PDB file of N, CA and C in Angstrom:
ATOM      1  N   MET A   1       0.841  -1.175   0.000  1.00  0.00           N
ATOM      2  CA  MET A   1       0.000   0.000   0.000  1.00  0.00           C
ATOM      3  C   MET A   1       0.886   1.238   0.000  1.00  0.00           C
ATOM      4  N   GLN A   2       0.539   2.206  -0.842  1.00  0.00           N
ATOM      5  CA  GLN A   2       1.279   3.462  -0.930  1.00  0.00           C
ATOM      6  C   GLN A   2       0.940   4.354   0.265  1.00  0.00           C
ATOM      7  N   PRO A   3       1.930   5.094   0.801  1.00  0.00           N
ATOM      8  CA  PRO A   3       1.613   6.038   1.875  1.00  0.00           C
ATOM      9  C   PRO A   3       0.735   7.164   1.342  1.00  0.00           C
ATOM     10  N   VAL A   4      -0.114   7.669   2.187  1.00  0.00           N
ATOM     11  CA  VAL A   4      -1.001   8.760   1.808  1.00  0.00           C
ATOM     12  C   VAL A   4      -0.234  10.074   1.881  1.00  0.00           C
ATOM     13  N   THR A   5      -0.331  10.869   0.842  1.00  0.00           N
ATOM     14  CA  THR A   5       0.278  12.196   0.838  1.00  0.00           C
ATOM     15  C   THR A   5      -0.777  13.189   1.265  1.00  0.00           C
ATOM     16  N   ARG A   6      -0.517  13.893   2.351  1.00  0.00           N
ATOM     17  CA  ARG A   6      -1.447  14.920   2.815  1.00  0.00           C
ATOM     18  C   ARG A   6      -0.910  16.273   2.390  1.00  0.00           C
ATOM     19  N   VAL A   7      -1.738  17.009   1.702  1.00  0.00           N
ATOM     20  CA  VAL A   7      -1.347  18.322   1.181  1.00  0.00           C
ATOM     21  C   VAL A   7      -2.345  19.351   1.670  1.00  0.00           C
ATOM     22  N   LYS A   8      -1.854  20.435   2.160  1.00  0.00           N
ATOM     23  CA  LYS A   8      -2.692  21.554   2.582  1.00  0.00           C
ATOM     24  C   LYS A   8      -2.927  22.452   1.374  1.00  0.00           C
ATOM     25  N   ARG A   9      -4.089  23.073   1.317  1.00  0.00           N
ATOM     26  CA  ARG A   9      -4.343  23.991   0.211  1.00  0.00           C
ATOM     27  C   ARG A   9      -3.272  25.068   0.208  1.00  0.00           C
ATOM     28  N   PRO A  10      -2.980  25.622  -0.955  1.00  0.00           N
ATOM     29  CA  PRO A  10      -1.931  26.646  -1.011  1.00  0.00           C
ATOM     30  C   PRO A  10      -2.248  27.837  -0.109  1.00  0.00           C
ATOM     31  N   GLN A  11      -1.230  28.374   0.508  1.00  0.00           N
ATOM     32  CA  GLN A  11      -1.366  29.594   1.304  1.00  0.00           C
ATOM     33  C   GLN A  11      -1.039  30.762   0.401  1.00  0.00           C
ATOM     34  N   VAL A  12      -1.913  31.732   0.346  1.00  0.00           N
ATOM     35  CA  VAL A  12      -1.667  32.940  -0.429  1.00  0.00           C
ATOM     36  C   VAL A  12      -1.105  33.985   0.525  1.00  0.00           C
ATOM     37  N   LEU A  13       0.127  34.395   0.249  1.00  0.00           N
ATOM     38  CA  LEU A  13       0.803  35.346   1.123  1.00  0.00           C
ATOM     39  C   LEU A  13       0.353  36.772   0.840  1.00  0.00           C
ATOM     40  N   SER A  14       0.318  37.561   1.881  1.00  0.00           N
ATOM     41  CA  SER A  14       0.112  39.000   1.751  1.00  0.00           C
ATOM     42  C   SER A  14       1.057  39.662   2.739  1.00  0.00           C
ATOM     43  N   LYS A  15       1.205  40.959   2.634  1.00  0.00           N
ATOM     44  CA  LYS A  15       2.099  41.659   3.557  1.00  0.00           C
ATOM     45  C   LYS A  15       1.714  41.399   5.008  1.00  0.00           C
ATOM     46  N   SER A  16       0.410  41.327   5.269  1.00  0.00           N
ATOM     47  CA  SER A  16      -0.049  41.184   6.647  1.00  0.00           C
ATOM     48  C   SER A  16      -0.025  39.752   7.162  1.00  0.00           C
ATOM     49  N   THR A  17       0.061  38.746   6.270  1.00  0.00           N
ATOM     50  CA  THR A  17       0.000  37.355   6.738  1.00  0.00           C
ATOM     51  C   THR A  17       1.236  36.519   6.430  1.00  0.00           C
ATOM     52  N   ALA A  18       2.194  37.039   5.686  1.00  0.00           N
ATOM     53  CA  ALA A  18       3.342  36.235   5.268  1.00  0.00           C
ATOM     54  C   ALA A  18       4.097  35.629   6.450  1.00  0.00           C
ATOM     55  N   ALA A  19       4.372  36.419   7.462  1.00  0.00           N
ATOM     56  CA  ALA A  19       5.094  35.898   8.626  1.00  0.00           C
ATOM     57  C   ALA A  19       4.280  34.828   9.347  1.00  0.00           C
ATOM     58  N   LEU A  20       2.994  35.062   9.501  1.00  0.00           N
ATOM     59  CA  LEU A  20       2.119  34.078  10.142  1.00  0.00           C
ATOM     60  C   LEU A  20       2.118  32.769   9.361  1.00  0.00           C
ATOM     61  N   ASP A  21       1.989  32.856   8.053  1.00  0.00           N
ATOM     62  CA  ASP A  21       1.951  31.653   7.230  1.00  0.00           C
ATOM     63  C   ASP A  21       3.257  30.876   7.316  1.00  0.00           C
ATOM     64  N   ARG A  22       4.372  31.563   7.304  1.00  0.00           N
ATOM     65  CA  ARG A  22       5.675  30.891   7.322  1.00  0.00           C
ATOM     66  C   ARG A  22       6.065  30.388   8.708  1.00  0.00           C
ATOM     67  N   VAL A  23       5.848  31.189   9.730  1.00  0.00           N
ATOM     68  CA  VAL A  23       6.366  30.877  11.064  1.00  0.00           C
ATOM     69  C   VAL A  23       5.393  30.068  11.920  1.00  0.00           C
ATOM     70  N   ARG A  24       4.118  30.361  11.821  1.00  0.00           N
ATOM     71  CA  ARG A  24       3.157  29.697  12.713  1.00  0.00           C
ATOM     72  C   ARG A  24       2.402  28.564  12.048  1.00  0.00           C
ATOM     73  N   LYS A  25       2.017  28.749  10.780  1.00  0.00           N
ATOM     74  CA  LYS A  25       1.175  27.734  10.144  1.00  0.00           C
ATOM     75  C   LYS A  25       1.948  26.505   9.687  1.00  0.00           C
ATOM     76  N   LEU A  26       3.146  26.679   9.132  1.00  0.00           N
ATOM     77  CA  LEU A  26       3.883  25.516   8.653  1.00  0.00           C
ATOM     78  C   LEU A  26       4.138  24.483   9.752  1.00  0.00           C
ATOM     79  N   PRO A  27       4.507  24.882  10.983  1.00  0.00           N
ATOM     80  CA  PRO A  27       4.648  23.873  12.045  1.00  0.00           C
ATOM     81  C   PRO A  27       3.321  23.164  12.375  1.00  0.00           C
ATOM     82  N   ILE A  28       2.224  23.877  12.279  1.00  0.00           N
ATOM     83  CA  ILE A  28       0.910  23.256  12.523  1.00  0.00           C
ATOM     84  C   ILE A  28       0.633  22.210  11.452  1.00  0.00           C
ATOM     85  N   TYR A  29       0.915  22.556  10.198  1.00  0.00           N
ATOM     86  CA  TYR A  29       0.700  21.593   9.117  1.00  0.00           C
ATOM     87  C   TYR A  29       1.574  20.355   9.317  1.00  0.00           C
ATOM     88  N   ALA A  30       2.810  20.548   9.732  1.00  0.00           N
ATOM     89  CA  ALA A  30       3.700  19.411   9.973  1.00  0.00           C
ATOM     90  C   ALA A  30       3.131  18.501  11.066  1.00  0.00           C
ATOM     91  N   ALA A  31       2.616  19.095  12.128  1.00  0.00           N
ATOM     92  CA  ALA A  31       2.035  18.306  13.219  1.00  0.00           C
ATOM     93  C   ALA A  31       0.811  17.523  12.762  1.00  0.00           C
ATOM     94  N   GLN A  32       0.131  18.019  11.733  1.00  0.00           N
ATOM     95  CA  GLN A  32      -1.046  17.341  11.193  1.00  0.00           C
ATOM     96  C   GLN A  32      -0.688  16.303  10.136  1.00  0.00           C
ATOM     97  N   GLY A  33       0.600  16.137   9.861  1.00  0.00           N
ATOM     98  CA  GLY A  33       1.031  15.140   8.899  1.00  0.00           C
ATOM     99  C   GLY A  33       1.028  15.590   7.459  1.00  0.00           C
ATOM    100  N   VAL A  34       0.929  16.891   7.222  1.00  0.00           N
ATOM    101  CA  VAL A  34       0.967  17.421   5.859  1.00  0.00           C
ATOM    102  C   VAL A  34       2.388  17.250   5.322  1.00  0.00           C
ATOM    103  N   SER A  35       2.501  16.730   4.103  1.00  0.00           N
ATOM    104  CA  SER A  35       3.821  16.427   3.547  1.00  0.00           C
ATOM    105  C   SER A  35       4.349  17.502   2.593  1.00  0.00           C
ATOM    106  N   HIS A  36       3.460  18.288   2.010  1.00  0.00           N
ATOM    107  CA  HIS A  36       3.864  19.337   1.077  1.00  0.00           C
ATOM    108  C   HIS A  36       3.067  20.600   1.352  1.00  0.00           C
ATOM    109  N   ALA A  37       3.698  21.739   1.125  1.00  0.00           N
ATOM    110  CA  ALA A  37       3.014  23.020   1.285  1.00  0.00           C
ATOM    111  C   ALA A  37       3.442  23.935   0.149  1.00  0.00           C
ATOM    112  N   TRP A  38       2.485  24.694  -0.341  1.00  0.00           N
ATOM    113  CA  TRP A  38       2.749  25.685  -1.379  1.00  0.00           C
ATOM    114  C   TRP A  38       2.459  27.058  -0.809  1.00  0.00           C
ATOM    115  N   LEU A  39       3.371  27.989  -1.019  1.00  0.00           N
ATOM    116  CA  LEU A  39       3.161  29.380  -0.643  1.00  0.00           C
ATOM    117  C   LEU A  39       3.131  30.216  -1.918  1.00  0.00           C
ATOM    118  N   LEU A  40       2.004  30.850  -2.157  1.00  0.00           N
ATOM    119  CA  LEU A  40       1.814  31.692  -3.337  1.00  0.00           C
ATOM    120  C   LEU A  40       1.969  33.155  -2.942  1.00  0.00           C
ATOM    121  N   ASP A  41       2.779  33.877  -3.673  1.00  0.00           N
ATOM    122  CA  ASP A  41       2.941  35.308  -3.428  1.00  0.00           C
ATOM    123  C   ASP A  41       2.483  36.054  -4.683  1.00  0.00           C
ATOM    124  N   PRO A  42       1.256  36.609  -4.664  1.00  0.00           N
ATOM    125  CA  PRO A  42       0.741  37.272  -5.856  1.00  0.00           C
ATOM    126  C   PRO A  42       1.464  38.576  -6.201  1.00  0.00           C
ATOM    127  N   ILE A  43       2.100  39.205  -5.224  1.00  0.00           N
ATOM    128  CA  ILE A  43       2.841  40.441  -5.501  1.00  0.00           C
ATOM    129  C   ILE A  43       4.147  40.106  -6.227  1.00  0.00           C
ATOM    130  N   ALA A  44       4.905  39.151  -5.691  1.00  0.00           N
ATOM    131  CA  ALA A  44       6.161  38.727  -6.327  1.00  0.00           C
ATOM    132  C   ALA A  44       5.915  37.773  -7.491  1.00  0.00           C
ATOM    133  N   ARG A  45       4.674  37.278  -7.603  1.00  0.00           N
ATOM    134  CA  ARG A  45       4.297  36.303  -8.638  1.00  0.00           C
ATOM    135  C   ARG A  45       5.176  35.067  -8.570  1.00  0.00           C
ATOM    136  N   THR A  46       5.223  34.488  -7.363  1.00  0.00           N
ATOM    137  CA  THR A  46       6.028  33.291  -7.145  1.00  0.00           C
ATOM    138  C   THR A  46       5.211  32.203  -6.468  1.00  0.00           C
ATOM    139  N   LEU A  47       5.619  30.982  -6.710  1.00  0.00           N
ATOM    140  CA  LEU A  47       5.100  29.807  -6.022  1.00  0.00           C
ATOM    141  C   LEU A  47       6.291  29.103  -5.402  1.00  0.00           C
ATOM    142  N   GLU A  48       6.280  28.970  -4.079  1.00  0.00           N
ATOM    143  CA  GLU A  48       7.326  28.231  -3.369  1.00  0.00           C
ATOM    144  C   GLU A  48       6.736  26.887  -2.974  1.00  0.00           C
ATOM    145  N   VAL A  49       7.457  25.818  -3.277  1.00  0.00           N
ATOM    146  CA  VAL A  49       7.003  24.459  -2.967  1.00  0.00           C
ATOM    147  C   VAL A  49       7.909  23.889  -1.879  1.00  0.00           C
ATOM    148  N   TYR A  50       7.292  23.497  -0.764  1.00  0.00           N
ATOM    149  CA  TYR A  50       8.015  22.943   0.376  1.00  0.00           C
ATOM    150  C   TYR A  50       7.649  21.477   0.562  1.00  0.00           C
ATOM    151  N   GLU A  51       8.624  20.711   1.041  1.00  0.00           N
ATOM    152  CA  GLU A  51       8.399  19.305   1.366  1.00  0.00           C
ATOM    153  C   GLU A  51       8.887  19.074   2.793  1.00  0.00           C
ATOM    154  N   ARG A  52       8.110  18.312   3.543  1.00  0.00           N
ATOM    155  CA  ARG A  52       8.495  18.007   4.926  1.00  0.00           C
ATOM    156  C   ARG A  52       9.179  16.654   4.955  1.00  0.00           C
ATOM    157  N   ALA A  53      10.373  16.631   5.503  1.00  0.00           N
ATOM    158  CA  ALA A  53      11.130  15.395   5.655  1.00  0.00           C
ATOM    159  C   ALA A  53      11.985  15.519   6.904  1.00  0.00           C
ATOM    160  N   GLY A  54      12.000  14.480   7.701  1.00  0.00           N
ATOM    161  CA  GLY A  54      12.816  14.512   8.917  1.00  0.00           C
ATOM    162  C   GLY A  54      12.381  15.580   9.889  1.00  0.00           C
ATOM    163  N   GLY A  55      11.093  15.917   9.868  1.00  0.00           N
ATOM    164  CA  GLY A  55      10.572  16.912  10.797  1.00  0.00           C
ATOM    165  C   GLY A  55      10.840  18.353  10.409  1.00  0.00           C
ATOM    166  N   ARG A  56      11.384  18.577   9.220  1.00  0.00           N
ATOM    167  CA  ARG A  56      11.709  19.942   8.790  1.00  0.00           C
ATOM    168  C   ARG A  56      11.106  20.217   7.416  1.00  0.00           C
ATOM    169  N   TRP A  57      10.762  21.474   7.187  1.00  0.00           N
ATOM    170  CA  TRP A  57      10.311  21.895   5.869  1.00  0.00           C
ATOM    171  C   TRP A  57      11.521  22.300   5.047  1.00  0.00           C
ATOM    172  N   THR A  58      11.564  21.829   3.809  1.00  0.00           N
ATOM    173  CA  THR A  58      12.642  22.174   2.896  1.00  0.00           C
ATOM    174  C   THR A  58      12.043  22.782   1.640  1.00  0.00           C
ATOM    175  N   LEU A  59      12.554  23.939   1.252  1.00  0.00           N
ATOM    176  CA  LEU A  59      12.140  24.554  -0.002  1.00  0.00           C
ATOM    177  C   LEU A  59      12.753  23.724  -1.116  1.00  0.00           C
ATOM    178  N   ILE A  60      11.900  23.101  -1.937  1.00  0.00           N
ATOM    179  CA  ILE A  60      12.430  22.234  -2.990  1.00  0.00           C
ATOM    180  C   ILE A  60      12.377  22.867  -4.364  1.00  0.00           C
ATOM    181  N   GLU A  61      11.511  23.880  -4.518  1.00  0.00           N
ATOM    182  CA  GLU A  61      11.418  24.518  -5.821  1.00  0.00           C
ATOM    183  C   GLU A  61      10.719  25.867  -5.697  1.00  0.00           C
ATOM    184  N   THR A  62      11.143  26.816  -6.496  1.00  0.00           N
ATOM    185  CA  THR A  62      10.475  28.101  -6.597  1.00  0.00           C
ATOM    186  C   THR A  62      10.196  28.370  -8.064  1.00  0.00           C
ATOM    187  N   PHE A  63       8.966  28.747  -8.355  1.00  0.00           N
ATOM    188  CA  PHE A  63       8.559  29.076  -9.718  1.00  0.00           C
ATOM    189  C   PHE A  63       8.157  30.542  -9.740  1.00  0.00           C
ATOM    190  N   ALA A  64       8.352  31.179 -10.896  1.00  0.00           N
ATOM    191  CA  ALA A  64       7.999  32.590 -11.014  1.00  0.00           C
ATOM    192  C   ALA A  64       7.448  32.876 -12.403  1.00  0.00           C
ATOM    193  N   GLY A  65       6.708  33.978 -12.486  1.00  0.00           N
ATOM    194  CA  GLY A  65       6.214  34.427 -13.772  1.00  0.00           C
ATOM    195  C   GLY A  65       4.919  33.765 -14.181  1.00  0.00           C
ATOM    196  N   ASP A  66       4.747  33.627 -15.484  1.00  0.00           N
ATOM    197  CA  ASP A  66       3.498  33.136 -16.049  1.00  0.00           C
ATOM    198  C   ASP A  66       3.602  31.736 -16.635  1.00  0.00           C
ATOM    199  N   GLN A  67       4.669  31.042 -16.339  1.00  0.00           N
ATOM    200  CA  GLN A  67       4.913  29.735 -16.945  1.00  0.00           C
ATOM    201  C   GLN A  67       3.952  28.658 -16.438  1.00  0.00           C
ATOM    202  N   ALA A  68       3.870  27.588 -17.195  1.00  0.00           N
ATOM    203  CA  ALA A  68       3.157  26.397 -16.740  1.00  0.00           C
ATOM    204  C   ALA A  68       4.162  25.566 -15.947  1.00  0.00           C
ATOM    205  N   VAL A  69       3.778  25.142 -14.754  1.00  0.00           N
ATOM    206  CA  VAL A  69       4.694  24.400 -13.891  1.00  0.00           C
ATOM    207  C   VAL A  69       4.112  23.036 -13.541  1.00  0.00           C
ATOM    208  N   HIS A  70       5.002  22.144 -13.133  1.00  0.00           N
ATOM    209  CA  HIS A  70       4.625  20.806 -12.669  1.00  0.00           C
ATOM    210  C   HIS A  70       5.230  20.673 -11.272  1.00  0.00           C
ATOM    211  N   ALA A  71       4.447  21.028 -10.260  1.00  0.00           N
ATOM    212  CA  ALA A  71       4.951  21.098  -8.891  1.00  0.00           C
ATOM    213  C   ALA A  71       4.526  19.872  -8.085  1.00  0.00           C
ATOM    214  N   VAL A  72       5.467  19.349  -7.296  1.00  0.00           N
ATOM    215  CA  VAL A  72       5.155  18.208  -6.435  1.00  0.00           C
ATOM    216  C   VAL A  72       4.122  18.622  -5.397  1.00  0.00           C
ATOM    217  N   PRO A  73       3.264  17.743  -5.002  1.00  0.00           N
ATOM    218  CA  PRO A  73       3.155  16.342  -5.401  1.00  0.00           C
ATOM    219  C   PRO A  73       2.200  16.109  -6.569  1.00  0.00           C
ATOM    220  N   PHE A  74       1.932  17.134  -7.351  1.00  0.00           N
ATOM    221  CA  PHE A  74       0.983  17.020  -8.462  1.00  0.00           C
ATOM    222  C   PHE A  74       1.668  17.204  -9.810  1.00  0.00           C
ATOM    223  N   GLU A  75       2.847  16.632  -9.981  1.00  0.00           N
ATOM    224  CA  GLU A  75       3.619  16.821 -11.199  1.00  0.00           C
ATOM    225  C   GLU A  75       2.858  16.519 -12.490  1.00  0.00           C
ATOM    226  N   PRO A  76       1.981  15.517 -12.526  1.00  0.00           N
ATOM    227  CA  PRO A  76       1.294  15.230 -13.788  1.00  0.00           C
ATOM    228  C   PRO A  76       0.320  16.333 -14.234  1.00  0.00           C
ATOM    229  N   ILE A  77      -0.029  17.230 -13.331  1.00  0.00           N
ATOM    230  CA  ILE A  77      -1.029  18.251 -13.633  1.00  0.00           C
ATOM    231  C   ILE A  77      -0.333  19.601 -13.832  1.00  0.00           C
ATOM    232  N   PRO A  78      -0.354  20.149 -15.053  1.00  0.00           N
ATOM    233  CA  PRO A  78       0.278  21.462 -15.249  1.00  0.00           C
ATOM    234  C   PRO A  78      -0.546  22.563 -14.581  1.00  0.00           C
ATOM    235  N   LEU A  79       0.143  23.476 -13.949  1.00  0.00           N
ATOM    236  CA  LEU A  79      -0.489  24.626 -13.314  1.00  0.00           C
ATOM    237  C   LEU A  79      -0.013  25.879 -14.040  1.00  0.00           C
ATOM    238  N   GLU A  80      -0.954  26.594 -14.628  1.00  0.00           N
ATOM    239  CA  GLU A  80      -0.635  27.826 -15.350  1.00  0.00           C
ATOM    240  C   GLU A  80      -0.559  28.978 -14.346  1.00  0.00           C
ATOM    241  N   LEU A  81       0.651  29.358 -13.971  1.00  0.00           N
ATOM    242  CA  LEU A  81       0.814  30.421 -12.974  1.00  0.00           C
ATOM    243  C   LEU A  81       0.182  31.728 -13.418  1.00  0.00           C
ATOM    244  N   GLY A  82       0.239  32.033 -14.695  1.00  0.00           N
ATOM    245  CA  GLY A  82      -0.318  33.287 -15.199  1.00  0.00           C
ATOM    246  C   GLY A  82      -1.784  33.458 -14.865  1.00  0.00           C
ATOM    247  N   LEU A  83      -2.516  32.360 -14.763  1.00  0.00           N
ATOM    248  CA  LEU A  83      -3.938  32.436 -14.411  1.00  0.00           C
ATOM    249  C   LEU A  83      -4.142  32.883 -12.966  1.00  0.00           C
ATOM    250  N   LEU A  84      -3.146  32.658 -12.126  1.00  0.00           N
ATOM    251  CA  LEU A  84      -3.256  33.022 -10.712  1.00  0.00           C
ATOM    252  C   LEU A  84      -3.029  34.510 -10.481  1.00  0.00           C
ATOM    253  N   TRP A  85      -2.323  35.141 -11.370  1.00  0.00           N
ATOM    254  CA  TRP A  85      -1.912  36.533 -11.153  1.00  0.00           C
ATOM    255  C   TRP A  85      -2.849  37.545 -11.792  1.00  0.00           C
ATOM    256  N   THR A  86      -3.890  37.124 -12.462  1.00  0.00           N
ATOM    257  CA  THR A  86      -4.734  38.066 -13.199  1.00  0.00           C
ATOM    258  C   THR A  86      -5.354  39.122 -12.304  1.00  0.00           C
ATOM    259  N   ASP A  87      -5.666  38.810 -11.052  1.00  0.00           N
ATOM    260  CA  ASP A  87      -6.254  39.785 -10.138  1.00  0.00           C
ATOM    261  C   ASP A  87      -5.217  40.526  -9.318  1.00  0.00           C
ATOM    262  N   ALA A  88      -3.947  40.181  -9.458  1.00  0.00           N
ATOM    263  CA  ALA A  88      -2.909  40.807  -8.646  1.00  0.00           C
ATOM    264  C   ALA A  88      -2.464  42.153  -9.183  1.00  0.00           C
ATOM    265  N   ASP A  89      -2.835  42.469 -10.406  1.00  0.00           N
ATOM    266  CA  ASP A  89      -2.402  43.749 -11.009  1.00  0.00           C
ATOM    267  C   ASP A  89      -3.094  44.939 -10.425  1.00  0.00           C
TER     268      ASP A  89
END
């Protein structure tokens, strides 16, 4: 049997919540068994992909711009970043 991958919905960062999302929420997700976390920054137009291993979060990939990306753990599904930024202008 394959282990279950638990993924939390992406966190959308803002000036007022970025520190909370990074410092307080990621440890909560780890305690809940979440294996991957995505942090979206609509101002910087970036997607940061984190993976939890050995009790620590590791930044494994950062994407930027309007490209189509294949981010873990959903590599087979392309994500068009440009569609996420349409309201950020």
